[in-house]
């Protein structure tokens, strides 16, 4: 499913094999806070961008020096969403958002016996 999101934003997709590209999920951020053992303003400011309905996980991508980042996800209408973030004074703020049509991907529902 996430390949469709990456393929929608080609310039991000061309960078995904670079060694300087990394991403985090909400679960990853939770693990970081757990390891640090205390709240962190920069990480805490990212939490708001992981809230809401989506299909599959949301990922925040960093390319090289993490001054800017891109939150990518597929919304429940099958649109591929990219939110551009910038670190300002230790917090992450939204500076742009793009929504493009994505492929309709049906998730298999587990069968109960």
N, C-alpha and C. Protein backbone atom coordinates (compact mmCIF):
# COMPACT_ATOMS: atom_id res chain seq x y z
N UNK A 1 0.83 -1.19 0.00
CA UNK A 1 0.00 0.00 0.00
C UNK A 1 0.88 1.26 0.00
N UNK A 2 1.95 1.23 0.76
CA UNK A 2 2.76 2.44 0.87
C UNK A 2 3.53 2.74 -0.41
N UNK A 3 3.77 1.74 -1.24
CA UNK A 3 4.43 1.99 -2.52
C UNK A 3 3.60 2.95 -3.36
N UNK A 4 2.25 2.82 -3.30
CA UNK A 4 1.39 3.72 -4.06
C UNK A 4 1.57 5.15 -3.59
N UNK A 5 1.67 5.36 -2.29
CA UNK A 5 1.86 6.71 -1.75
C UNK A 5 3.21 7.27 -2.22
N UNK A 6 4.26 6.48 -2.10
CA UNK A 6 5.59 6.94 -2.54
C UNK A 6 5.64 7.22 -4.04
N UNK A 7 4.99 6.37 -4.82
CA UNK A 7 5.01 6.55 -6.27
C UNK A 7 4.25 7.80 -6.71
N UNK A 8 3.30 8.25 -5.91
CA UNK A 8 2.55 9.45 -6.23
C UNK A 8 3.44 10.69 -6.19
N UNK A 9 4.36 10.70 -5.25
CA UNK A 9 5.27 11.83 -5.08
C UNK A 9 6.64 11.41 -5.58
N UNK A 10 6.81 11.45 -6.89
CA UNK A 10 7.98 10.89 -7.57
C UNK A 10 9.30 11.43 -7.04
N UNK A 11 9.38 12.73 -6.76
CA UNK A 11 10.65 13.27 -6.30
C UNK A 11 11.04 12.72 -4.94
N UNK A 12 10.07 12.32 -4.12
CA UNK A 12 10.41 11.64 -2.87
C UNK A 12 10.79 10.20 -3.15
N UNK A 13 10.11 9.58 -4.09
CA UNK A 13 10.37 8.19 -4.43
C UNK A 13 11.78 8.00 -4.98
N UNK A 14 12.30 8.97 -5.72
CA UNK A 14 13.64 8.82 -6.27
C UNK A 14 14.71 8.90 -5.20
N UNK A 15 14.36 9.48 -4.05
CA UNK A 15 15.32 9.62 -2.96
C UNK A 15 15.29 8.44 -2.00
N UNK A 16 14.34 7.54 -2.12
CA UNK A 16 14.13 6.54 -1.07
C UNK A 16 15.26 5.52 -0.95
N UNK A 17 16.13 5.39 -1.94
CA UNK A 17 17.25 4.45 -1.85
C UNK A 17 18.50 5.10 -1.28
N UNK A 18 18.44 6.39 -1.06
CA UNK A 18 19.58 7.14 -0.53
C UNK A 18 19.83 6.75 0.93
N UNK A 19 21.10 6.64 1.30
CA UNK A 19 21.45 6.29 2.68
C UNK A 19 21.05 7.36 3.68
N UNK A 20 20.82 8.58 3.23
CA UNK A 20 20.45 9.68 4.12
C UNK A 20 18.95 9.81 4.31
N UNK A 21 18.17 8.87 3.82
CA UNK A 21 16.72 8.91 3.95
C UNK A 21 16.29 7.93 5.03
N UNK A 22 15.47 8.43 5.94
CA UNK A 22 14.93 7.54 6.96
C UNK A 22 13.53 8.00 7.32
N UNK A 23 12.76 7.08 7.89
CA UNK A 23 11.40 7.43 8.30
C UNK A 23 11.09 6.83 9.66
N UNK A 24 10.06 7.43 10.28
CA UNK A 24 9.56 6.95 11.57
C UNK A 24 8.05 6.81 11.48
N UNK A 25 7.53 5.86 12.25
CA UNK A 25 6.09 5.72 12.43
C UNK A 25 5.77 6.23 13.84
N UNK A 26 4.49 6.30 14.16
CA UNK A 26 4.09 6.71 15.51
C UNK A 26 4.67 5.75 16.54
N UNK A 27 4.69 4.48 16.22
CA UNK A 27 5.25 3.48 17.14
C UNK A 27 6.74 3.74 17.38
N UNK A 28 7.46 4.09 16.32
CA UNK A 28 8.89 4.40 16.47
C UNK A 28 9.09 5.58 17.42
N UNK A 29 8.26 6.62 17.27
CA UNK A 29 8.39 7.79 18.15
C UNK A 29 8.11 7.41 19.60
N UNK A 30 7.14 6.55 19.81
CA UNK A 30 6.84 6.07 21.16
C UNK A 30 8.05 5.35 21.75
N UNK A 31 8.71 4.53 20.96
CA UNK A 31 9.89 3.80 21.43
C UNK A 31 11.04 4.77 21.77
N UNK A 32 11.19 5.80 20.97
CA UNK A 32 12.25 6.79 21.24
C UNK A 32 12.00 7.48 22.58
N UNK A 33 10.76 7.92 22.80
CA UNK A 33 10.41 8.57 24.08
C UNK A 33 10.65 7.62 25.24
N UNK A 34 10.30 6.35 25.06
CA UNK A 34 10.51 5.36 26.10
C UNK A 34 12.00 5.21 26.41
N UNK A 35 12.83 5.17 25.38
CA UNK A 35 14.27 5.04 25.58
C UNK A 35 14.88 6.28 26.23
N UNK A 36 14.41 7.45 25.82
CA UNK A 36 14.92 8.70 26.40
C UNK A 36 14.50 8.80 27.87
N UNK A 37 13.29 8.35 28.15
CA UNK A 37 12.79 8.37 29.52
C UNK A 37 12.16 9.68 29.93
N UNK A 38 11.99 10.57 28.99
CA UNK A 38 11.34 11.85 29.29
C UNK A 38 10.75 12.44 28.02
N UNK A 39 9.88 13.41 28.20
CA UNK A 39 9.23 14.08 27.08
C UNK A 39 10.26 14.91 26.31
N UNK A 40 10.03 15.05 25.00
CA UNK A 40 10.91 15.83 24.15
C UNK A 40 10.03 16.73 23.29
N UNK A 41 10.25 18.03 23.35
CA UNK A 41 9.40 19.00 22.66
C UNK A 41 9.32 18.74 21.16
N UNK A 42 10.44 18.44 20.53
CA UNK A 42 10.47 18.21 19.09
C UNK A 42 9.65 16.97 18.72
N UNK A 43 9.86 15.89 19.44
CA UNK A 43 9.11 14.66 19.16
C UNK A 43 7.64 14.83 19.51
N UNK A 44 7.36 15.47 20.63
CA UNK A 44 5.96 15.69 21.04
C UNK A 44 5.19 16.50 20.01
N UNK A 45 5.86 17.44 19.34
CA UNK A 45 5.18 18.27 18.35
C UNK A 45 4.78 17.48 17.11
N UNK A 46 5.39 16.31 16.90
CA UNK A 46 5.03 15.47 15.75
C UNK A 46 3.77 14.65 15.98
N UNK A 47 3.42 14.42 17.24
CA UNK A 47 2.28 13.55 17.56
C UNK A 47 1.00 13.97 16.86
N UNK A 48 0.73 15.27 16.78
CA UNK A 48 -0.51 15.76 16.18
C UNK A 48 -0.67 15.34 14.73
N UNK A 49 0.42 15.09 14.05
CA UNK A 49 0.36 14.74 12.63
C UNK A 49 0.06 13.25 12.40
N UNK A 50 0.11 12.48 13.45
CA UNK A 50 -0.19 11.06 13.35
C UNK A 50 -1.62 10.74 13.76
N UNK A 51 -2.37 11.74 14.17
CA UNK A 51 -3.74 11.55 14.64
C UNK A 51 -4.70 11.67 13.46
N UNK A 52 -5.70 10.82 13.42
CA UNK A 52 -6.71 10.87 12.37
C UNK A 52 -6.81 9.54 11.64
N UNK A 53 -7.82 9.44 10.82
CA UNK A 53 -8.05 8.21 10.08
C UNK A 53 -7.14 8.14 8.87
N UNK A 54 -6.65 6.94 8.63
CA UNK A 54 -5.85 6.69 7.44
C UNK A 54 -5.90 5.20 7.14
N UNK A 55 -5.49 4.85 5.94
CA UNK A 55 -5.39 3.45 5.57
C UNK A 55 -3.94 3.05 5.76
N UNK A 56 -3.69 2.10 6.63
CA UNK A 56 -2.32 1.72 6.92
C UNK A 56 -1.68 2.74 7.83
N UNK A 57 -0.36 2.68 7.90
CA UNK A 57 0.36 3.56 8.82
C UNK A 57 0.69 4.90 8.17
N UNK A 58 0.99 5.85 9.01
CA UNK A 58 1.53 7.13 8.57
C UNK A 58 3.03 7.08 8.82
N UNK A 59 3.78 7.67 7.91
CA UNK A 59 5.24 7.71 8.05
C UNK A 59 5.73 9.14 7.88
N UNK A 60 6.72 9.49 8.68
CA UNK A 60 7.35 10.79 8.52
C UNK A 60 8.77 10.56 8.00
N UNK A 61 9.04 11.13 6.84
CA UNK A 61 10.32 10.93 6.15
C UNK A 61 11.23 12.13 6.36
N UNK A 62 12.52 11.84 6.54
CA UNK A 62 13.56 12.85 6.64
C UNK A 62 14.60 12.56 5.56
N UNK A 63 15.08 13.61 4.92
CA UNK A 63 16.07 13.50 3.86
C UNK A 63 17.28 14.33 4.26
N UNK A 64 18.39 13.66 4.56
CA UNK A 64 19.59 14.39 4.97
C UNK A 64 19.39 15.06 6.32
N UNK A 65 19.79 16.31 6.41
CA UNK A 65 19.65 17.06 7.67
C UNK A 65 18.17 17.30 7.95
N UNK A 66 17.70 16.89 9.13
CA UNK A 66 16.25 16.97 9.40
C UNK A 66 15.76 18.38 9.76
N UNK A 67 15.83 19.27 8.77
CA UNK A 67 15.26 20.61 8.94
C UNK A 67 13.82 20.62 8.40
N UNK A 68 13.60 19.80 7.37
CA UNK A 68 12.28 19.60 6.80
C UNK A 68 11.95 18.12 6.85
N UNK A 69 10.67 17.82 6.88
CA UNK A 69 10.25 16.42 6.83
C UNK A 69 8.93 16.35 6.07
N UNK A 70 8.56 15.13 5.71
CA UNK A 70 7.34 14.91 4.93
C UNK A 70 6.56 13.77 5.57
N UNK A 71 5.34 14.06 5.98
CA UNK A 71 4.45 13.04 6.52
C UNK A 71 3.64 12.49 5.35
N UNK A 72 3.70 11.19 5.14
CA UNK A 72 3.00 10.56 4.02
C UNK A 72 2.02 9.52 4.54
N UNK A 73 0.84 9.48 3.91
CA UNK A 73 -0.15 8.47 4.25
C UNK A 73 -1.24 8.41 3.19
N UNK A 74 -2.05 7.36 3.24
CA UNK A 74 -3.21 7.20 2.36
C UNK A 74 -4.45 7.45 3.22
N UNK A 75 -5.29 8.39 2.81
CA UNK A 75 -6.49 8.65 3.60
C UNK A 75 -7.58 7.62 3.28
N UNK A 76 -8.67 7.69 4.00
CA UNK A 76 -9.72 6.66 3.86
C UNK A 76 -10.50 6.78 2.55
N UNK A 77 -10.24 7.84 1.77
CA UNK A 77 -10.84 7.97 0.44
C UNK A 77 -9.86 7.55 -0.65
N UNK A 78 -8.78 6.87 -0.26
CA UNK A 78 -7.75 6.36 -1.17
C UNK A 78 -6.89 7.46 -1.78
N UNK A 79 -6.92 8.67 -1.21
CA UNK A 79 -6.04 9.75 -1.66
C UNK A 79 -4.68 9.60 -0.98
N UNK A 80 -3.63 9.96 -1.69
CA UNK A 80 -2.28 9.94 -1.13
C UNK A 80 -1.95 11.35 -0.65
N UNK A 81 -1.59 11.45 0.61
CA UNK A 81 -1.40 12.74 1.26
C UNK A 81 0.06 12.94 1.62
N UNK A 82 0.56 14.15 1.36
CA UNK A 82 1.90 14.53 1.78
C UNK A 82 1.79 15.86 2.53
N UNK A 83 2.24 15.86 3.77
CA UNK A 83 2.26 17.07 4.58
C UNK A 83 3.72 17.46 4.77
N UNK A 84 4.09 18.67 4.32
CA UNK A 84 5.47 19.14 4.48
C UNK A 84 5.57 19.85 5.83
N UNK A 85 6.59 19.46 6.60
CA UNK A 85 6.82 20.02 7.92
C UNK A 85 8.18 20.70 7.97
N UNK A 86 8.27 21.69 8.83
CA UNK A 86 9.53 22.40 9.04
C UNK A 86 9.76 22.53 10.53
N UNK A 87 11.01 22.35 10.94
CA UNK A 87 11.34 22.52 12.35
C UNK A 87 11.56 24.02 12.61
N UNK A 88 10.75 24.56 13.52
CA UNK A 88 10.82 25.97 13.86
C UNK A 88 10.94 26.07 15.38
N UNK A 89 12.07 26.55 15.85
CA UNK A 89 12.26 26.74 17.29
C UNK A 89 12.09 25.47 18.10
N UNK A 90 12.52 24.34 17.57
CA UNK A 90 12.44 23.08 18.32
C UNK A 90 11.13 22.32 18.14
N UNK A 91 10.17 22.91 17.42
CA UNK A 91 8.89 22.24 17.17
C UNK A 91 8.69 22.07 15.67
N UNK A 92 7.92 21.07 15.29
CA UNK A 92 7.58 20.83 13.90
C UNK A 92 6.24 21.48 13.58
N UNK A 93 6.19 22.25 12.48
CA UNK A 93 4.96 22.91 12.06
C UNK A 93 4.68 22.57 10.60
N UNK A 94 3.40 22.53 10.26
CA UNK A 94 2.99 22.26 8.88
C UNK A 94 3.19 23.50 8.04
N UNK A 95 3.85 23.33 6.89
CA UNK A 95 4.03 24.46 5.98
C UNK A 95 3.42 24.19 4.60
N UNK A 96 2.86 23.01 4.41
CA UNK A 96 2.23 22.71 3.13
C UNK A 96 1.59 21.34 3.15
N UNK A 97 0.63 21.17 2.27
CA UNK A 97 -0.06 19.87 2.19
C UNK A 97 -0.51 19.64 0.75
N UNK A 98 -0.27 18.43 0.26
CA UNK A 98 -0.73 18.03 -1.07
C UNK A 98 -1.55 16.76 -0.94
N UNK A 99 -2.62 16.70 -1.71
CA UNK A 99 -3.47 15.51 -1.75
C UNK A 99 -3.66 15.15 -3.22
N UNK A 100 -3.31 13.91 -3.56
CA UNK A 100 -3.44 13.44 -4.94
C UNK A 100 -4.21 12.12 -4.95
N UNK A 101 -4.89 11.88 -6.07
CA UNK A 101 -5.61 10.62 -6.21
C UNK A 101 -4.65 9.45 -6.12
N UNK A 102 -5.04 8.45 -5.36
CA UNK A 102 -4.23 7.24 -5.24
C UNK A 102 -5.00 6.05 -5.80
N UNK A 103 -4.34 4.93 -5.84
CA UNK A 103 -4.99 3.70 -6.27
C UNK A 103 -5.95 3.22 -5.18
N UNK A 104 -7.07 2.67 -5.62
CA UNK A 104 -7.99 2.06 -4.68
C UNK A 104 -7.41 0.71 -4.28
N UNK A 105 -7.13 0.58 -3.02
CA UNK A 105 -6.54 -0.65 -2.51
C UNK A 105 -7.48 -1.23 -1.46
N UNK A 106 -7.98 -2.39 -1.73
CA UNK A 106 -8.88 -3.06 -0.80
C UNK A 106 -8.05 -3.93 0.15
N UNK A 107 -8.34 -3.78 1.41
CA UNK A 107 -7.66 -4.60 2.41
C UNK A 107 -8.44 -5.88 2.64
N UNK A 108 -7.74 -7.00 2.75
CA UNK A 108 -8.39 -8.26 3.03
C UNK A 108 -8.90 -8.26 4.46
N UNK A 109 -10.15 -8.61 4.64
CA UNK A 109 -10.74 -8.71 5.97
C UNK A 109 -10.55 -10.13 6.48
N UNK A 110 -10.05 -10.29 7.69
CA UNK A 110 -9.88 -11.65 8.23
C UNK A 110 -11.26 -12.31 8.39
N UNK A 111 -11.28 -13.61 8.13
CA UNK A 111 -12.53 -14.36 8.25
C UNK A 111 -12.60 -15.01 9.62
N UNK A 112 -13.73 -14.86 10.25
CA UNK A 112 -13.96 -15.48 11.56
C UNK A 112 -14.69 -16.81 11.35
N UNK A 113 -14.28 -17.79 12.07
CA UNK A 113 -14.95 -19.11 11.97
C UNK A 113 -16.03 -19.23 12.99
